[in-house]
Amino acid sequence: RKIVTEGPEGVGFISGGSGIMGLNNLSKDQIDYLVH
């Protein structure tokens, strides 16, 4: 919820960022936290 940026008219958006490329090697704890 803290990475949601507010745009025009109150539309929220989330940037994926270059770090999303590391999703291939997530640990169980990281998957758990992300899904939650």
PDB file of all heavy atoms in Angstrom:
ATOM      1  N   ARG A   1       0.813  -1.209   0.000  1.00  0.00           N
ATOM      2  CA  ARG A   1       0.000   0.000   0.000  1.00  0.00           C
ATOM      3  C   ARG A   1       0.847   1.261   0.000  1.00  0.00           C
ATOM      4  O   ARG A   1       0.408   2.314  -0.448  1.00  0.00           O
ATOM      5  CB  ARG A   1      -0.943  -0.010   1.208  1.00  0.00           C
ATOM      6  CG  ARG A   1      -2.040  -1.060   1.114  1.00  0.00           C
ATOM      7  CD  ARG A   1      -2.816  -1.201   2.389  1.00  0.00           C
ATOM      8  NE  ARG A   1      -1.992  -1.746   3.462  1.00  0.00           N
ATOM      9  CZ  ARG A   1      -2.455  -2.080   4.649  1.00  0.00           C
ATOM     10  NH1 ARG A   1      -3.738  -1.932   4.923  1.00  0.00           N
ATOM     11  NH2 ARG A   1      -1.657  -2.570   5.575  1.00  0.00           N
ATOM     12  N   LYS A   2       2.090   1.134   0.470  1.00  0.00           N
ATOM     13  CA  LYS A   2       2.964   2.306   0.545  1.00  0.00           C
ATOM     14  C   LYS A   2       3.672   2.604  -0.774  1.00  0.00           C
ATOM     15  O   LYS A   2       4.315   3.653  -0.900  1.00  0.00           O
ATOM     16  CB  LYS A   2       3.998   2.109   1.657  1.00  0.00           C
ATOM     17  CG  LYS A   2       3.376   2.067   3.050  1.00  0.00           C
ATOM     18  CD  LYS A   2       4.437   1.959   4.132  1.00  0.00           C
ATOM     19  CE  LYS A   2       3.798   1.965   5.513  1.00  0.00           C
ATOM     20  NZ  LYS A   2       4.812   1.849   6.596  1.00  0.00           N
ATOM     21  N   ILE A   3       3.575   1.692  -1.740  1.00  0.00           N
ATOM     22  CA  ILE A   3       4.224   1.960  -3.028  1.00  0.00           C
ATOM     23  C   ILE A   3       3.229   2.435  -4.074  1.00  0.00           C
ATOM     24  O   ILE A   3       3.577   2.645  -5.230  1.00  0.00           O
ATOM     25  CB  ILE A   3       4.978   0.725  -3.556  1.00  0.00           C
ATOM     26  CG1 ILE A   3       4.015  -0.363  -4.005  1.00  0.00           C
ATOM     27  CG2 ILE A   3       5.962   0.190  -2.516  1.00  0.00           C
ATOM     28  CD1 ILE A   3       4.675  -1.477  -4.802  1.00  0.00           C
ATOM     29  N   VAL A   4       1.972   2.610  -3.666  1.00  0.00           N
ATOM     30  CA  VAL A   4       0.955   3.121  -4.581  1.00  0.00           C
ATOM     31  C   VAL A   4       1.077   4.643  -4.653  1.00  0.00           C
ATOM     32  O   VAL A   4       0.998   5.332  -3.641  1.00  0.00           O
ATOM     33  CB  VAL A   4      -0.457   2.729  -4.132  1.00  0.00           C
ATOM     34  CG1 VAL A   4      -1.507   3.338  -5.070  1.00  0.00           C
ATOM     35  CG2 VAL A   4      -0.602   1.209  -4.107  1.00  0.00           C
ATOM     36  N   THR A   5       1.303   5.160  -5.848  1.00  0.00           N
ATOM     37  CA  THR A   5       1.382   6.601  -6.073  1.00  0.00           C
ATOM     38  C   THR A   5       0.049   7.097  -6.608  1.00  0.00           C
ATOM     39  O   THR A   5      -0.567   6.442  -7.449  1.00  0.00           O
ATOM     40  CB  THR A   5       2.496   6.933  -7.088  1.00  0.00           C
ATOM     41  OG1 THR A   5       3.741   6.424  -6.601  1.00  0.00           O
ATOM     42  CG2 THR A   5       2.609   8.433  -7.307  1.00  0.00           C
ATOM     43  N   GLU A   6      -0.400   8.237  -6.131  1.00  0.00           N
ATOM     44  CA  GLU A   6      -1.680   8.778  -6.597  1.00  0.00           C
ATOM     45  C   GLU A   6      -1.470   9.648  -7.815  1.00  0.00           C
ATOM     46  O   GLU A   6      -0.635  10.551  -7.832  1.00  0.00           O
ATOM     47  CB  GLU A   6      -2.370   9.581  -5.498  1.00  0.00           C
ATOM     48  CG  GLU A   6      -3.762  10.055  -5.892  1.00  0.00           C
ATOM     49  CD  GLU A   6      -4.545  10.643  -4.739  1.00  0.00           C
ATOM     50  OE1 GLU A   6      -4.586  10.001  -3.669  1.00  0.00           O
ATOM     51  OE2 GLU A   6      -5.115  11.743  -4.908  1.00  0.00           O
ATOM     52  N   GLY A   7      -2.258   9.367  -8.853  1.00  0.00           N
ATOM     53  CA  GLY A   7      -2.210  10.143 -10.077  1.00  0.00           C
ATOM     54  C   GLY A   7      -3.438  11.019 -10.205  1.00  0.00           C
ATOM     55  O   GLY A   7      -4.194  11.202  -9.241  1.00  0.00           O
ATOM     56  N   PRO A   8      -3.697  11.566 -11.387  1.00  0.00           N
ATOM     57  CA  PRO A   8      -4.856  12.432 -11.621  1.00  0.00           C
ATOM     58  C   PRO A   8      -6.179  11.734 -11.298  1.00  0.00           C
ATOM     59  O   PRO A   8      -6.317  10.530 -11.484  1.00  0.00           O
ATOM     60  CB  PRO A   8      -4.761  12.736 -13.128  1.00  0.00           C
ATOM     61  CG  PRO A   8      -3.310  12.562 -13.453  1.00  0.00           C
ATOM     62  CD  PRO A   8      -2.843  11.440 -12.583  1.00  0.00           C
ATOM     63  N   GLU A   9      -7.121  12.526 -10.793  1.00  0.00           N
ATOM     64  CA  GLU A   9      -8.459  12.034 -10.461  1.00  0.00           C
ATOM     65  C   GLU A   9      -8.438  10.975  -9.364  1.00  0.00           C
ATOM     66  O   GLU A   9      -9.417  10.253  -9.162  1.00  0.00           O
ATOM     67  CB  GLU A   9      -9.164  11.476 -11.704  1.00  0.00           C
ATOM     68  CG  GLU A   9      -9.470  12.511 -12.756  1.00  0.00           C
ATOM     69  CD  GLU A   9     -10.514  13.520 -12.315  1.00  0.00           C
ATOM     70  OE1 GLU A   9     -11.540  13.107 -11.744  1.00  0.00           O
ATOM     71  OE2 GLU A   9     -10.297  14.723 -12.533  1.00  0.00           O
ATOM     72  N   GLY A  10      -7.299  10.845  -8.654  1.00  0.00           N
ATOM     73  CA  GLY A  10      -7.208   9.859  -7.589  1.00  0.00           C
ATOM     74  C   GLY A  10      -6.887   8.457  -8.054  1.00  0.00           C
ATOM     75  O   GLY A  10      -6.947   7.503  -7.263  1.00  0.00           O
ATOM     76  N   VAL A  11      -6.545   8.295  -9.338  1.00  0.00           N
ATOM     77  CA  VAL A  11      -6.156   6.980  -9.847  1.00  0.00           C
ATOM     78  C   VAL A  11      -4.815   6.589  -9.230  1.00  0.00           C
ATOM     79  O   VAL A  11      -3.852   7.352  -9.272  1.00  0.00           O
ATOM     80  CB  VAL A  11      -6.027   6.997 -11.386  1.00  0.00           C
ATOM     81  CG1 VAL A  11      -5.491   5.663 -11.891  1.00  0.00           C
ATOM     82  CG2 VAL A  11      -7.369   7.302 -12.030  1.00  0.00           C
ATOM     83  N   GLY A  12      -4.739   5.426  -8.645  1.00  0.00           N
ATOM     84  CA  GLY A  12      -3.478   4.953  -8.078  1.00  0.00           C
ATOM     85  C   GLY A  12      -2.692   4.170  -9.108  1.00  0.00           C
ATOM     86  O   GLY A  12      -3.269   3.573 -10.021  1.00  0.00           O
ATOM     87  N   PHE A  13      -1.365   4.183  -8.989  1.00  0.00           N
ATOM     88  CA  PHE A  13      -0.573   3.339  -9.877  1.00  0.00           C
ATOM     89  C   PHE A  13       0.663   2.816  -9.159  1.00  0.00           C
ATOM     90  O   PHE A  13       1.181   3.424  -8.223  1.00  0.00           O
ATOM     91  CB  PHE A  13      -0.202   4.065 -11.179  1.00  0.00           C
ATOM     92  CG  PHE A  13       0.876   5.114 -11.050  1.00  0.00           C
ATOM     93  CD1 PHE A  13       2.203   4.805 -11.286  1.00  0.00           C
ATOM     94  CD2 PHE A  13       0.547   6.419 -10.731  1.00  0.00           C
ATOM     95  CE1 PHE A  13       3.183   5.770 -11.188  1.00  0.00           C
ATOM     96  CE2 PHE A  13       1.518   7.394 -10.636  1.00  0.00           C
ATOM     97  CZ  PHE A  13       2.848   7.078 -10.864  1.00  0.00           C
ATOM     98  N   ILE A  14       1.087   1.648  -9.635  1.00  0.00           N
ATOM     99  CA  ILE A  14       2.265   0.973  -9.078  1.00  0.00           C
ATOM    100  C   ILE A  14       3.273   0.771 -10.189  1.00  0.00           C
ATOM    101  O   ILE A  14       2.948   0.258 -11.252  1.00  0.00           O
ATOM    102  CB  ILE A  14       1.889  -0.390  -8.468  1.00  0.00           C
ATOM    103  CG1 ILE A  14       1.058  -0.189  -7.196  1.00  0.00           C
ATOM    104  CG2 ILE A  14       3.132  -1.217  -8.152  1.00  0.00           C
ATOM    105  CD1 ILE A  14       0.591  -1.487  -6.573  1.00  0.00           C
ATOM    106  N   SER A  15       4.495   1.160  -9.936  1.00  0.00           N
ATOM    107  CA  SER A  15       5.585   0.930 -10.879  1.00  0.00           C
ATOM    108  C   SER A  15       6.214  -0.420 -10.581  1.00  0.00           C
ATOM    109  O   SER A  15       6.519  -0.734  -9.434  1.00  0.00           O
ATOM    110  CB  SER A  15       6.629   2.045 -10.759  1.00  0.00           C
ATOM    111  OG  SER A  15       7.757   1.758 -11.554  1.00  0.00           O
ATOM    112  N   GLY A  16       6.393  -1.238 -11.638  1.00  0.00           N
ATOM    113  CA  GLY A  16       7.014  -2.541 -11.442  1.00  0.00           C
ATOM    114  C   GLY A  16       8.483  -2.413 -11.095  1.00  0.00           C
ATOM    115  O   GLY A  16       8.994  -3.092 -10.212  1.00  0.00           O
ATOM    116  N   GLY A  17       9.173  -1.525 -11.792  1.00  0.00           N
ATOM    117  CA  GLY A  17      10.594  -1.333 -11.517  1.00  0.00           C
ATOM    118  C   GLY A  17      11.436  -2.455 -12.094  1.00  0.00           C
ATOM    119  O   GLY A  17      10.963  -3.558 -12.352  1.00  0.00           O
ATOM    120  N   SER A  18      12.697  -2.185 -12.313  1.00  0.00           N
ATOM    121  CA  SER A  18      13.594  -3.174 -12.905  1.00  0.00           C
ATOM    122  C   SER A  18      13.783  -4.396 -12.012  1.00  0.00           C
ATOM    123  O   SER A  18      14.114  -5.474 -12.479  1.00  0.00           O
ATOM    124  CB  SER A  18      14.959  -2.538 -13.194  1.00  0.00           C
ATOM    125  OG  SER A  18      15.533  -2.026 -11.994  1.00  0.00           O
ATOM    126  N   GLY A  19      13.537  -4.246 -10.715  1.00  0.00           N
ATOM    127  CA  GLY A  19      13.735  -5.356  -9.786  1.00  0.00           C
ATOM    128  C   GLY A  19      12.780  -6.504  -9.996  1.00  0.00           C
ATOM    129  O   GLY A  19      12.994  -7.601  -9.479  1.00  0.00           O
ATOM    130  N   ILE A  20      11.719  -6.277 -10.764  1.00  0.00           N
ATOM    131  CA  ILE A  20      10.744  -7.351 -11.009  1.00  0.00           C
ATOM    132  C   ILE A  20      11.368  -8.511 -11.773  1.00  0.00           C
ATOM    133  O   ILE A  20      10.880  -9.617 -11.747  1.00  0.00           O
ATOM    134  CB  ILE A  20       9.527  -6.804 -11.780  1.00  0.00           C
ATOM    135  CG1 ILE A  20       8.332  -7.753 -11.616  1.00  0.00           C
ATOM    136  CG2 ILE A  20       9.826  -6.603 -13.247  1.00  0.00           C
ATOM    137  CD1 ILE A  20       7.047  -7.194 -12.149  1.00  0.00           C
ATOM    138  N   MET A  21      12.487  -8.260 -12.436  1.00  0.00           N
ATOM    139  CA  MET A  21      13.161  -9.320 -13.176  1.00  0.00           C
ATOM    140  C   MET A  21      13.693 -10.399 -12.237  1.00  0.00           C
ATOM    141  O   MET A  21      13.967 -11.507 -12.647  1.00  0.00           O
ATOM    142  CB  MET A  21      14.316  -8.743 -13.999  1.00  0.00           C
ATOM    143  CG  MET A  21      13.867  -7.675 -15.007  1.00  0.00           C
ATOM    144  SD  MET A  21      12.599  -8.254 -16.129  1.00  0.00           S
ATOM    145  CE  MET A  21      13.560  -9.422 -17.095  1.00  0.00           C
ATOM    146  N   GLY A  22      13.805 -10.073 -10.954  1.00  0.00           N
ATOM    147  CA  GLY A  22      14.306 -11.049  -9.994  1.00  0.00           C
ATOM    148  C   GLY A  22      13.242 -11.970  -9.450  1.00  0.00           C
ATOM    149  O   GLY A  22      13.525 -12.775  -8.566  1.00  0.00           O
ATOM    150  N   LEU A  23      12.017 -11.887  -9.949  1.00  0.00           N
ATOM    151  CA  LEU A  23      10.945 -12.735  -9.447  1.00  0.00           C
ATOM    152  C   LEU A  23      11.201 -14.213  -9.686  1.00  0.00           C
ATOM    153  O   LEU A  23      10.613 -15.061  -9.043  1.00  0.00           O
ATOM    154  CB  LEU A  23       9.620 -12.344 -10.103  1.00  0.00           C
ATOM    155  CG  LEU A  23       8.988 -11.023  -9.635  1.00  0.00           C
ATOM    156  CD1 LEU A  23       7.761 -10.714 -10.456  1.00  0.00           C
ATOM    157  CD2 LEU A  23       8.642 -11.082  -8.165  1.00  0.00           C
ATOM    158  N   ASN A  24      12.084 -14.516 -10.624  1.00  0.00           N
ATOM    159  CA  ASN A  24      12.380 -15.918 -10.930  1.00  0.00           C
ATOM    160  C   ASN A  24      13.000 -16.656  -9.755  1.00  0.00           C
ATOM    161  O   ASN A  24      12.872 -17.874  -9.634  1.00  0.00           O
ATOM    162  CB  ASN A  24      13.340 -16.007 -12.120  1.00  0.00           C
ATOM    163  CG  ASN A  24      12.723 -15.470 -13.388  1.00  0.00           C
ATOM    164  OD1 ASN A  24      11.527 -15.498 -13.549  1.00  0.00           O
ATOM    165  ND2 ASN A  24      13.555 -14.965 -14.277  1.00  0.00           N
ATOM    166  N   ASN A  25      13.708 -15.950  -8.903  1.00  0.00           N
ATOM    167  CA  ASN A  25      14.502 -16.600  -7.864  1.00  0.00           C
ATOM    168  C   ASN A  25      14.016 -16.273  -6.458  1.00  0.00           C
ATOM    169  O   ASN A  25      14.818 -16.224  -5.521  1.00  0.00           O
ATOM    170  CB  ASN A  25      15.972 -16.178  -8.019  1.00  0.00           C
ATOM    171  CG  ASN A  25      16.523 -16.528  -9.386  1.00  0.00           C
ATOM    172  OD1 ASN A  25      16.407 -17.666  -9.827  1.00  0.00           O
ATOM    173  ND2 ASN A  25      17.102 -15.550 -10.057  1.00  0.00           N
ATOM    174  N   LEU A  26      12.718 -16.070  -6.311  1.00  0.00           N
ATOM    175  CA  LEU A  26      12.197 -15.732  -4.999  1.00  0.00           C
ATOM    176  C   LEU A  26      12.219 -16.927  -4.056  1.00  0.00           C
ATOM    177  O   LEU A  26      12.006 -18.062  -4.456  1.00  0.00           O
ATOM    178  CB  LEU A  26      10.756 -15.232  -5.117  1.00  0.00           C
ATOM    179  CG  LEU A  26      10.532 -13.909  -5.857  1.00  0.00           C
ATOM    180  CD1 LEU A  26       9.062 -13.553  -5.829  1.00  0.00           C
ATOM    181  CD2 LEU A  26      11.374 -12.805  -5.266  1.00  0.00           C
ATOM    182  N   SER A  27      12.448 -16.626  -2.792  1.00  0.00           N
ATOM    183  CA  SER A  27      12.374 -17.656  -1.763  1.00  0.00           C
ATOM    184  C   SER A  27      10.919 -17.850  -1.353  1.00  0.00           C
ATOM    185  O   SER A  27      10.033 -17.060  -1.716  1.00  0.00           O
ATOM    186  CB  SER A  27      13.184 -17.232  -0.541  1.00  0.00           C
ATOM    187  OG  SER A  27      12.573 -16.107   0.081  1.00  0.00           O
ATOM    188  N   LYS A  28      10.680 -18.895  -0.582  1.00  0.00           N
ATOM    189  CA  LYS A  28       9.322 -19.158  -0.097  1.00  0.00           C
ATOM    190  C   LYS A  28       8.811 -17.981   0.724  1.00  0.00           C
ATOM    191  O   LYS A  28       7.662 -17.554   0.579  1.00  0.00           O
ATOM    192  CB  LYS A  28       9.308 -20.428   0.757  1.00  0.00           C
ATOM    193  CG  LYS A  28       7.936 -20.747   1.375  1.00  0.00           C
ATOM    194  CD  LYS A  28       8.013 -21.976   2.245  1.00  0.00           C
ATOM    195  CE  LYS A  28       6.655 -22.274   2.871  1.00  0.00           C
ATOM    196  NZ  LYS A  28       6.198 -21.173   3.756  1.00  0.00           N
ATOM    197  N   ASP A  29       9.647 -17.430   1.590  1.00  0.00           N
ATOM    198  CA  ASP A  29       9.229 -16.305   2.424  1.00  0.00           C
ATOM    199  C   ASP A  29       8.898 -15.080   1.578  1.00  0.00           C
ATOM    200  O   ASP A  29       7.955 -14.344   1.881  1.00  0.00           O
ATOM    201  CB  ASP A  29      10.324 -15.953   3.433  1.00  0.00           C
ATOM    202  CG  ASP A  29      10.463 -17.012   4.522  1.00  0.00           C
ATOM    203  OD1 ASP A  29       9.501 -17.785   4.712  1.00  0.00           O
ATOM    204  OD2 ASP A  29      11.524 -17.062   5.167  1.00  0.00           O
ATOM    205  N   GLN A  30       9.688 -14.850   0.530  1.00  0.00           N
ATOM    206  CA  GLN A  30       9.419 -13.702  -0.336  1.00  0.00           C
ATOM    207  C   GLN A  30       8.107 -13.878  -1.098  1.00  0.00           C
ATOM    208  O   GLN A  30       7.329 -12.938  -1.250  1.00  0.00           O
ATOM    209  CB  GLN A  30      10.581 -13.496  -1.313  1.00  0.00           C
ATOM    210  CG  GLN A  30      11.835 -12.948  -0.652  1.00  0.00           C
ATOM    211  CD  GLN A  30      13.037 -12.951  -1.589  1.00  0.00           C
ATOM    212  OE1 GLN A  30      13.183 -13.859  -2.410  1.00  0.00           O
ATOM    213  NE2 GLN A  30      13.892 -11.957  -1.459  1.00  0.00           N
ATOM    214  N   ILE A  31       7.856 -15.101  -1.576  1.00  0.00           N
ATOM    215  CA  ILE A  31       6.595 -15.385  -2.260  1.00  0.00           C
ATOM    216  C   ILE A  31       5.426 -15.187  -1.301  1.00  0.00           C
ATOM    217  O   ILE A  31       4.416 -14.563  -1.639  1.00  0.00           O
ATOM    218  CB  ILE A  31       6.587 -16.823  -2.818  1.00  0.00           C
ATOM    219  CG1 ILE A  31       7.619 -16.965  -3.936  1.00  0.00           C
ATOM    220  CG2 ILE A  31       5.202 -17.183  -3.342  1.00  0.00           C
ATOM    221  CD1 ILE A  31       7.772 -18.378  -4.445  1.00  0.00           C
ATOM    222  N   ASP A  32       5.584 -15.711  -0.108  1.00  0.00           N
ATOM    223  CA  ASP A  32       4.557 -15.589   0.920  1.00  0.00           C
ATOM    224  C   ASP A  32       4.224 -14.118   1.157  1.00  0.00           C
ATOM    225  O   ASP A  32       3.055 -13.708   1.140  1.00  0.00           O
ATOM    226  CB  ASP A  32       5.069 -16.240   2.211  1.00  0.00           C
ATOM    227  CG  ASP A  32       4.004 -16.321   3.288  1.00  0.00           C
ATOM    228  OD1 ASP A  32       2.919 -15.746   3.086  1.00  0.00           O
ATOM    229  OD2 ASP A  32       4.264 -16.942   4.320  1.00  0.00           O
ATOM    230  N   TYR A  33       5.250 -13.325   1.360  1.00  0.00           N
ATOM    231  CA  TYR A  33       5.049 -11.911   1.665  1.00  0.00           C
ATOM    232  C   TYR A  33       4.430 -11.166   0.488  1.00  0.00           C
ATOM    233  O   TYR A  33       3.538 -10.329   0.653  1.00  0.00           O
ATOM    234  CB  TYR A  33       6.387 -11.266   2.045  1.00  0.00           C
ATOM    235  CG  TYR A  33       6.248  -9.859   2.571  1.00  0.00           C
ATOM    236  CD1 TYR A  33       5.767  -9.618   3.859  1.00  0.00           C
ATOM    237  CD2 TYR A  33       6.582  -8.766   1.772  1.00  0.00           C
ATOM    238  CE1 TYR A  33       5.620  -8.335   4.342  1.00  0.00           C
ATOM    239  CE2 TYR A  33       6.439  -7.463   2.249  1.00  0.00           C
ATOM    240  CZ  TYR A  33       5.969  -7.266   3.538  1.00  0.00           C
ATOM    241  OH  TYR A  33       5.815  -5.982   4.010  1.00  0.00           O
ATOM    242  N   LEU A  34       4.881 -11.469  -0.728  1.00  0.00           N
ATOM    243  CA  LEU A  34       4.379 -10.785  -1.904  1.00  0.00           C
ATOM    244  C   LEU A  34       2.908 -11.112  -2.149  1.00  0.00           C
ATOM    245  O   LEU A  34       2.094 -10.210  -2.397  1.00  0.00           O
ATOM    246  CB  LEU A  34       5.210 -11.154  -3.143  1.00  0.00           C
ATOM    247  CG  LEU A  34       4.773 -10.521  -4.466  1.00  0.00           C
ATOM    248  CD1 LEU A  34       4.823  -8.999  -4.372  1.00  0.00           C
ATOM    249  CD2 LEU A  34       5.644 -11.014  -5.613  1.00  0.00           C
ATOM    250  N   VAL A  35       2.543 -12.383  -2.097  1.00  0.00           N
ATOM    251  CA  VAL A  35       1.156 -12.781  -2.328  1.00  0.00           C
ATOM    252  C   VAL A  35       0.240 -12.159  -1.281  1.00  0.00           C
ATOM    253  O   VAL A  35      -0.851 -11.663  -1.592  1.00  0.00           O
ATOM    254  CB  VAL A  35       1.020 -14.318  -2.329  1.00  0.00           C
ATOM    255  CG1 VAL A  35      -0.448 -14.730  -2.358  1.00  0.00           C
ATOM    256  CG2 VAL A  35       1.758 -14.906  -3.514  1.00  0.00           C
ATOM    257  N   HIS A  36       0.690 -12.176  -0.036  1.00  0.00           N
ATOM    258  CA  HIS A  36      -0.099 -11.571   1.035  1.00  0.00           C
ATOM    259  C   HIS A  36      -0.317 -10.086   0.762  1.00  0.00           C
ATOM    260  O   HIS A  36      -1.429  -9.556   0.931  1.00  0.00           O
ATOM    261  CB  HIS A  36       0.604 -11.748   2.378  1.00  0.00           C
ATOM    262  CG  HIS A  36      -0.050 -10.997   3.505  1.00  0.00           C
ATOM    263  ND1 HIS A  36      -1.238 -11.394   4.058  1.00  0.00           N
ATOM    264  CD2 HIS A  36       0.312  -9.857   4.152  1.00  0.00           C
ATOM    265  CE1 HIS A  36      -1.577 -10.543   5.016  1.00  0.00           C
ATOM    266  NE2 HIS A  36      -0.661  -9.602   5.088  1.00  0.00           N
TER     267      HIS A  36
END
